[in-house]
Amino acid sequence: MNRFLALLPLVGSLFLSGCGGPDVGDSCQVSGYVCRDEAEALECRQGQWRALPCKGPRGCAELDGTVHCDTSANLAGDNCALSAEGRGLCRADGLAVLECRMGVLVETEECRSCSLSGSQLVCQK
């Protein structure tokens, strides 16, 4: 009996270490998002979890059951979410437009000044 009690914490810690959240490449069955950590979200896309960087100052946060990923400092070449497909954002320095195309941010226009006016992106040349 004493041996069992001595092993219980070890067995419990091994069990709990395998109970983390999903990881990149793990299979998934439903669409959706989770925060992997404060700088990265995971998106279930085509049956696998894929990483989405959240490089903006607010990072990745789950609020009221919704995942918020701050992409304001993301760069061309970074993964982007299915929900952002075809949408643009200003590059962090405000000198270009980035657009989500086929799951990756692509620089589409250079600007003298890029800004967001309501829900419209304005690229002044």
Protein backbone atom coordinates (compact mmCIF):
# COMPACT_ATOMS: atom_id res chain seq x y z
CA MET A 1 0.00 0.00 0.00
CA ASN A 2 2.81 2.45 0.86
CA ARG A 3 4.50 1.75 -2.49
CA PHE A 4 1.28 2.60 -4.30
CA LEU A 5 0.97 5.92 -2.46
CA ALA A 6 4.59 6.75 -3.25
CA LEU A 7 4.04 6.09 -6.98
CA LEU A 8 0.72 7.97 -7.19
CA PRO A 9 2.28 11.45 -7.67
CA LEU A 10 4.62 10.10 -10.37
CA VAL A 11 1.82 8.35 -12.24
CA GLY A 12 -0.42 11.40 -11.89
CA SER A 13 2.24 13.76 -13.26
CA LEU A 14 2.90 11.47 -16.25
CA PHE A 15 -0.83 11.30 -16.94
CA LEU A 16 -1.28 15.07 -16.75
CA SER A 17 1.75 15.80 -18.92
CA GLY A 18 0.01 14.00 -21.78
CA CYS A 19 -3.16 16.09 -21.35
CA GLY A 20 -1.94 19.32 -22.94
CA GLY A 21 -3.81 21.08 -25.69
CA PRO A 22 -3.46 20.38 -29.38
CA ASP A 23 -0.16 20.88 -31.17
CA VAL A 24 0.81 21.76 -34.73
CA GLY A 25 0.13 18.79 -37.02
CA ASP A 26 -2.22 17.01 -34.61
CA SER A 27 -5.46 15.87 -36.20
CA CYS A 28 -8.70 17.71 -35.47
CA GLN A 29 -12.32 17.13 -36.37
CA VAL A 30 -14.03 20.51 -36.06
CA SER A 31 -13.13 23.95 -37.37
CA GLY A 32 -12.03 26.49 -34.82
CA TYR A 33 -9.16 28.13 -32.99
CA VAL A 34 -7.28 27.80 -29.70
CA CYS A 35 -4.42 29.79 -28.20
CA ARG A 36 -1.31 27.61 -28.13
CA ASP A 37 0.47 30.27 -26.05
CA GLU A 38 0.44 34.06 -25.74
CA ALA A 39 2.06 34.56 -29.17
CA GLU A 40 0.44 31.85 -31.30
CA ALA A 41 -2.99 30.50 -32.11
CA LEU A 42 -3.81 27.15 -33.67
CA GLU A 43 -6.46 26.76 -36.36
CA CYS A 44 -8.13 23.47 -37.24
CA ARG A 45 -7.89 23.51 -41.03
CA GLN A 46 -8.36 20.52 -43.34
CA GLY A 47 -8.27 18.09 -40.42
CA GLN A 48 -5.00 19.32 -38.86
CA TRP A 49 -3.99 22.00 -36.39
CA ARG A 50 -1.82 24.69 -38.01
CA ALA A 51 0.04 27.57 -36.37
CA LEU A 52 -1.08 31.18 -36.73
CA PRO A 53 1.34 33.79 -35.38
CA CYS A 54 -0.14 36.56 -33.22
CA LYS A 55 2.82 38.98 -33.31
CA GLY A 56 0.88 42.11 -32.34
CA PRO A 57 1.17 43.51 -28.79
CA ARG A 58 -2.08 41.84 -27.64
CA GLY A 59 -0.85 38.40 -28.78
CA CYS A 60 -3.32 35.52 -28.48
CA ALA A 61 -6.07 35.63 -25.88
CA GLU A 62 -9.27 33.71 -25.24
CA LEU A 63 -12.05 36.05 -24.09
CA ASP A 64 -15.66 35.00 -23.53
CA GLY A 65 -15.12 31.74 -25.43
CA THR A 66 -13.61 33.50 -28.47
CA VAL A 67 -9.98 33.41 -29.57
CA HIS A 68 -8.48 36.81 -30.43
CA CYS A 69 -5.18 36.82 -32.36
CA ASP A 70 -3.48 40.20 -32.80
CA THR A 71 -1.96 40.07 -36.30
CA SER A 72 -1.03 43.78 -36.44
CA ALA A 73 2.73 43.01 -36.48
CA ASN A 74 2.59 39.91 -38.68
CA LEU A 75 4.80 39.78 -41.77
CA ALA A 76 4.58 38.59 -45.37
CA GLY A 77 5.04 34.81 -45.32
CA ASP A 78 3.25 34.31 -41.98
CA ASN A 79 0.29 31.92 -41.92
CA CYS A 80 -3.16 33.49 -41.79
CA ALA A 81 -6.59 32.16 -40.84
CA LEU A 82 -9.25 30.86 -43.19
CA SER A 83 -11.54 33.60 -41.83
CA ALA A 84 -8.99 36.22 -43.05
CA GLU A 85 -8.76 34.80 -46.59
CA GLY A 86 -8.93 37.63 -49.15
CA ARG A 87 -8.72 40.30 -46.46
CA GLY A 88 -5.93 42.79 -46.09
CA LEU A 89 -4.08 44.50 -43.27
CA CYS A 90 -1.45 47.19 -43.11
CA ARG A 91 2.12 46.07 -42.66
CA ALA A 92 3.34 47.10 -39.19
CA ASP A 93 5.41 49.98 -40.59
CA GLY A 94 2.36 51.31 -42.52
CA LEU A 95 4.17 51.22 -45.87
CA ALA A 96 2.47 48.23 -47.51
CA VAL A 97 -0.70 46.14 -47.65
CA LEU A 98 -0.59 42.46 -46.74
CA GLU A 99 -3.36 40.14 -47.93
CA CYS A 100 -4.24 36.63 -46.81
CA ARG A 101 -3.99 34.35 -49.86
CA MET A 102 -4.23 30.58 -49.65
CA GLY A 103 -3.40 30.67 -45.93
CA VAL A 104 -0.31 32.91 -46.16
CA LEU A 105 0.14 36.69 -45.88
CA VAL A 106 1.38 38.18 -49.17
CA GLU A 107 2.51 41.77 -49.72
CA THR A 108 0.19 43.13 -52.41
CA GLU A 109 0.85 46.90 -52.52
CA GLU A 110 3.46 49.38 -51.38
CA CYS A 111 2.09 52.59 -49.89
CA ARG A 112 3.32 55.95 -48.75
CA SER A 113 0.82 55.48 -45.95
CA CYS A 114 -1.48 52.55 -45.10
CA SER A 115 -4.34 52.95 -42.63
CA LEU A 116 -7.64 51.42 -41.64
CA SER A 117 -10.70 53.65 -41.98
CA GLY A 118 -13.66 51.85 -40.41
CA SER A 119 -13.52 48.46 -42.12
CA GLN A 120 -11.77 49.77 -45.26
CA LEU A 121 -8.03 49.64 -45.85
CA VAL A 122 -6.61 52.85 -47.36
CA CYS A 123 -3.28 52.71 -49.21
CA GLN A 124 -2.08 56.17 -50.18
CA LYS A 125 0.54 56.09 -52.91
